[in-house]
Each structure stands twice: as C-alpha cells, then as structure tokens.
Amino acid sequence: VVLVVDGSNTDRKIMKKAIEALGFTIKEATNGEEALAIIKSVDIDAALADIEMPKMDGFRFTSLVKDNIKFKDIPIVFNSSISDHFSEKRGQDAGGESYLVKFETEAFYKEVARVIHKYEQE
C-alpha cells in the first residue's frame, strides 16, 4: 500500500493513476495530519508527500514519521512543485528517501518503483 499525501485533488489523482499502473494499492490523505492517522491504522509500504499542504506540511509529516520507532522505516518520497536546492536539503534532513519535482513523469515512475522495490527486498 502506497500512501499519497497531497492537498491538491488533481495531483493526487495523477499520482494515484501512476502508482496503480505500477501495481500498488493506494491510500490518500490531503495533509500530514490525515496521513499520520492513516499510517497508524493501515500497513503502509511507502508514502509520497507534497511539501505545501494545509494543517501539516510534508516536512513536518516526514519528521514525525521518522521520529516514531514504529513507522521510521516507511520510505517517504517528496513530490513537490518546489524545485530549489534548499527544499531538497530540508527533505533529506526530515528523513525523505528522495525528492522529485512535479511532474517529471519518467523520473517519477523510475524513482517510485526504485524506492518501493528497494524496501520490498529488505
């Protein structure tokens, strides 16, 4: 199960379609607070998170997941329209596995598949 966390309905639909094409089941959240509630109730294999979201941004969401012993091994890939080096560094510091810029389709497919399959093998 891949958790898609994004405040935009349109962006969630695009990511959902792409990830389902890779053969995965999707859970959706519109912000970090919703995502945390889902992680506590569903066995999540990986998460894709935007940075800019209402209530709780992607950096805070990722930090909280990585600070929790129960969930710290869930890989989180940032997928954001923000394409500056500072945001990418903040994502790494928060514990993100990687950082993608919306919507570079080929890079998206390759990176999501790489991260999910890497963690399936562990």
C-alpha atoms as a PDB file:
ATOM      1  CA  VAL A   1       0.000   0.000   0.000  1.00  0.00           C
ATOM      2  CA  VAL A   2       1.350   3.403  -1.017  1.00  0.00           C
ATOM      3  CA  LEU A   3       0.117   6.498   0.800  1.00  0.00           C
ATOM      4  CA  VAL A   4      -0.294   9.593  -1.388  1.00  0.00           C
ATOM      5  CA  VAL A   5      -0.292  12.819   0.650  1.00  0.00           C
ATOM      6  CA  ASP A   6      -1.134  15.980  -1.293  1.00  0.00           C
ATOM      7  CA  GLY A   7      -3.509  18.888  -0.754  1.00  0.00           C
ATOM      8  CA  SER A   8      -4.408  19.003  -4.450  1.00  0.00           C
ATOM      9  CA  ASN A   9      -7.153  16.652  -5.674  1.00  0.00           C
ATOM     10  CA  THR A  10      -5.771  16.870  -9.202  1.00  0.00           C
ATOM     11  CA  ASP A  11      -2.224  15.994  -8.155  1.00  0.00           C
ATOM     12  CA  ARG A  12      -3.441  13.079  -6.008  1.00  0.00           C
ATOM     13  CA  LYS A  13      -5.399  11.698  -8.968  1.00  0.00           C
ATOM     14  CA  ILE A  14      -2.342  11.889 -11.218  1.00  0.00           C
ATOM     15  CA  MET A  15      -0.128  10.159  -8.650  1.00  0.00           C
ATOM     16  CA  LYS A  16      -2.794   7.573  -7.865  1.00  0.00           C
ATOM     17  CA  LYS A  17      -3.119   6.630 -11.531  1.00  0.00           C
ATOM     18  CA  ALA A  18       0.659   6.382 -11.927  1.00  0.00           C
ATOM     19  CA  ILE A  19       1.180   4.248  -8.826  1.00  0.00           C
ATOM     20  CA  GLU A  20      -1.754   1.963  -9.580  1.00  0.00           C
ATOM     21  CA  ALA A  21      -0.168   1.407 -13.008  1.00  0.00           C
ATOM     22  CA  LEU A  22       2.852   0.039 -11.123  1.00  0.00           C
ATOM     23  CA  GLY A  23       0.521  -2.468  -9.431  1.00  0.00           C
ATOM     24  CA  PHE A  24       0.114  -0.918  -5.992  1.00  0.00           C
ATOM     25  CA  THR A  25      -2.910  -0.161  -3.841  1.00  0.00           C
ATOM     26  CA  ILE A  26      -3.333   3.490  -2.835  1.00  0.00           C
ATOM     27  CA  LYS A  27      -4.482   5.306   0.279  1.00  0.00           C
ATOM     28  CA  GLU A  28      -4.939   9.070   0.054  1.00  0.00           C
ATOM     29  CA  ALA A  29      -4.580  11.951   2.503  1.00  0.00           C
ATOM     30  CA  THR A  30      -4.971  15.691   1.908  1.00  0.00           C
ATOM     31  CA  ASN A  31      -2.462  16.748   4.591  1.00  0.00           C
ATOM     32  CA  GLY A  32       0.067  15.451   7.078  1.00  0.00           C
ATOM     33  CA  GLU A  33      -2.445  15.092   9.916  1.00  0.00           C
ATOM     34  CA  GLU A  34      -4.672  12.789   7.850  1.00  0.00           C
ATOM     35  CA  ALA A  35      -1.615  10.870   6.679  1.00  0.00           C
ATOM     36  CA  LEU A  36      -0.464  10.217  10.259  1.00  0.00           C
ATOM     37  CA  ALA A  37      -3.902   8.856  11.155  1.00  0.00           C
ATOM     38  CA  ILE A  38      -3.786   6.512   8.149  1.00  0.00           C
ATOM     39  CA  ILE A  39      -0.282   5.287   8.969  1.00  0.00           C
ATOM     40  CA  LYS A  40      -1.461   4.375  12.464  1.00  0.00           C
ATOM     41  CA  SER A  41      -4.310   2.246  11.100  1.00  0.00           C
ATOM     42  CA  VAL A  42      -3.033   0.795   7.792  1.00  0.00           C
ATOM     43  CA  ASP A  43       0.170  -1.090   6.975  1.00  0.00           C
ATOM     44  CA  ILE A  44       1.897   1.363   4.608  1.00  0.00           C
ATOM     45  CA  ASP A  45       4.783   0.253   2.373  1.00  0.00           C
ATOM     46  CA  ALA A  46       5.774   3.742   1.199  1.00  0.00           C
ATOM     47  CA  ALA A  47       4.499   7.320   1.088  1.00  0.00           C
ATOM     48  CA  LEU A  48       4.602  10.107  -1.484  1.00  0.00           C
ATOM     49  CA  ALA A  49       4.246  13.518   0.108  1.00  0.00           C
ATOM     50  CA  ASP A  50       3.924  17.041  -1.183  1.00  0.00           C
ATOM     51  CA  ILE A  51       5.605  19.794   0.804  1.00  0.00           C
ATOM     52  CA  GLU A  52       2.969  22.513   0.762  1.00  0.00           C
ATOM     53  CA  MET A  53      -0.240  21.257   2.370  1.00  0.00           C
ATOM     54  CA  PRO A  54      -2.835  22.613   4.780  1.00  0.00           C
ATOM     55  CA  LYS A  55      -2.645  21.819   8.520  1.00  0.00           C
ATOM     56  CA  MET A  56       0.706  19.994   8.384  1.00  0.00           C
ATOM     57  CA  ASP A  57       3.322  20.261   5.647  1.00  0.00           C
ATOM     58  CA  GLY A  58       5.319  17.397   4.193  1.00  0.00           C
ATOM     59  CA  PHE A  59       8.492  18.198   6.128  1.00  0.00           C
ATOM     60  CA  ARG A  60       6.704  18.040   9.487  1.00  0.00           C
ATOM     61  CA  PHE A  61       4.800  14.892   8.489  1.00  0.00           C
ATOM     62  CA  THR A  62       8.033  13.163   7.485  1.00  0.00           C
ATOM     63  CA  SER A  63       9.848  14.230  10.652  1.00  0.00           C
ATOM     64  CA  LEU A  64       7.048  12.823  12.815  1.00  0.00           C
ATOM     65  CA  VAL A  65       7.028   9.522  10.927  1.00  0.00           C
ATOM     66  CA  LYS A  66      10.808   9.171  11.118  1.00  0.00           C
ATOM     67  CA  ASP A  67      10.827  10.048  14.850  1.00  0.00           C
ATOM     68  CA  ASN A  68       8.393   7.204  15.592  1.00  0.00           C
ATOM     69  CA  ILE A  69      10.115   3.857  16.195  1.00  0.00           C
ATOM     70  CA  LYS A  70       7.081   2.011  14.828  1.00  0.00           C
ATOM     71  CA  PHE A  71       6.989   3.857  11.491  1.00  0.00           C
ATOM     72  CA  LYS A  72      10.548   5.117  10.935  1.00  0.00           C
ATOM     73  CA  ASP A  73      11.287   2.533   8.234  1.00  0.00           C
ATOM     74  CA  ILE A  74       8.490   3.695   5.916  1.00  0.00           C
ATOM     75  CA  PRO A  75      10.216   5.278   2.911  1.00  0.00           C
ATOM     76  CA  ILE A  76       8.888   8.729   2.054  1.00  0.00           C
ATOM     77  CA  VAL A  77       9.417  10.321  -1.342  1.00  0.00           C
ATOM     78  CA  PHE A  78       8.761  14.038  -1.674  1.00  0.00           C
ATOM     79  CA  ASN A  79       6.901  15.076  -4.814  1.00  0.00           C
ATOM     80  CA  SER A  80       6.679  18.860  -4.985  1.00  0.00           C
ATOM     81  CA  SER A  81       6.393  21.744  -7.412  1.00  0.00           C
ATOM     82  CA  ILE A  82       9.134  23.485  -5.403  1.00  0.00           C
ATOM     83  CA  SER A  83      12.394  22.832  -7.193  1.00  0.00           C
ATOM     84  CA  ASP A  84      15.059  24.606  -5.163  1.00  0.00           C
ATOM     85  CA  HIS A  85      18.103  23.058  -3.516  1.00  0.00           C
ATOM     86  CA  PHE A  86      17.080  24.315  -0.043  1.00  0.00           C
ATOM     87  CA  SER A  87      13.796  22.378  -0.133  1.00  0.00           C
ATOM     88  CA  GLU A  88      15.528  19.232  -1.358  1.00  0.00           C
ATOM     89  CA  LYS A  89      18.017  19.530   1.534  1.00  0.00           C
ATOM     90  CA  ARG A  90      15.191  20.076   4.048  1.00  0.00           C
ATOM     91  CA  GLY A  91      13.545  16.942   2.677  1.00  0.00           C
ATOM     92  CA  GLN A  92      16.705  14.927   3.238  1.00  0.00           C
ATOM     93  CA  ASP A  93      17.099  16.368   6.732  1.00  0.00           C
ATOM     94  CA  ALA A  94      13.497  15.421   7.559  1.00  0.00           C
ATOM     95  CA  GLY A  95      14.226  11.832   6.528  1.00  0.00           C
ATOM     96  CA  GLY A  96      12.924  11.722   2.967  1.00  0.00           C
ATOM     97  CA  GLU A  97      14.190   8.930   0.748  1.00  0.00           C
ATOM     98  CA  SER A  98      14.241  11.157  -2.319  1.00  0.00           C
ATOM     99  CA  TYR A  99      12.879  14.385  -3.770  1.00  0.00           C
ATOM    100  CA  LEU A 100      11.018  14.656  -7.068  1.00  0.00           C
ATOM    101  CA  VAL A 101       9.747  17.716  -8.892  1.00  0.00           C
ATOM    102  CA  LYS A 102       6.137  17.534 -10.136  1.00  0.00           C
ATOM    103  CA  PHE A 103       5.530  16.171 -12.772  1.00  0.00           C
ATOM    104  CA  GLU A 104       8.586  14.811 -14.433  1.00  0.00           C
ATOM    105  CA  THR A 105       6.770  11.618 -15.433  1.00  0.00           C
ATOM    106  CA  GLU A 106       9.704   9.393 -16.361  1.00  0.00           C
ATOM    107  CA  ALA A 107      11.674  10.340 -13.253  1.00  0.00           C
ATOM    108  CA  PHE A 108       8.536   9.841 -11.136  1.00  0.00           C
ATOM    109  CA  TYR A 109       7.945   6.279 -12.365  1.00  0.00           C
ATOM    110  CA  LYS A 110      11.580   5.278 -12.074  1.00  0.00           C
ATOM    111  CA  GLU A 111      12.106   6.704  -8.595  1.00  0.00           C
ATOM    112  CA  VAL A 112       8.851   5.456  -7.077  1.00  0.00           C
ATOM    113  CA  ALA A 113       9.457   1.962  -8.450  1.00  0.00           C
ATOM    114  CA  ARG A 114      13.071   2.021  -7.214  1.00  0.00           C
ATOM    115  CA  VAL A 115      12.149   3.065  -3.682  1.00  0.00           C
ATOM    116  CA  ILE A 116       9.272   0.629  -3.325  1.00  0.00           C
ATOM    117  CA  HIS A 117      11.199  -2.325  -4.701  1.00  0.00           C
ATOM    118  CA  LYS A 118      14.259  -1.474  -2.594  1.00  0.00           C
ATOM    119  CA  TYR A 119      12.199  -1.686   0.581  1.00  0.00           C
ATOM    120  CA  GLU A 120      10.291  -4.793  -0.540  1.00  0.00           C
ATOM    121  CA  GLN A 121      13.592  -6.659  -0.726  1.00  0.00           C
ATOM    122  CA  GLU A 122      14.668  -5.747   2.811  1.00  0.00           C
END
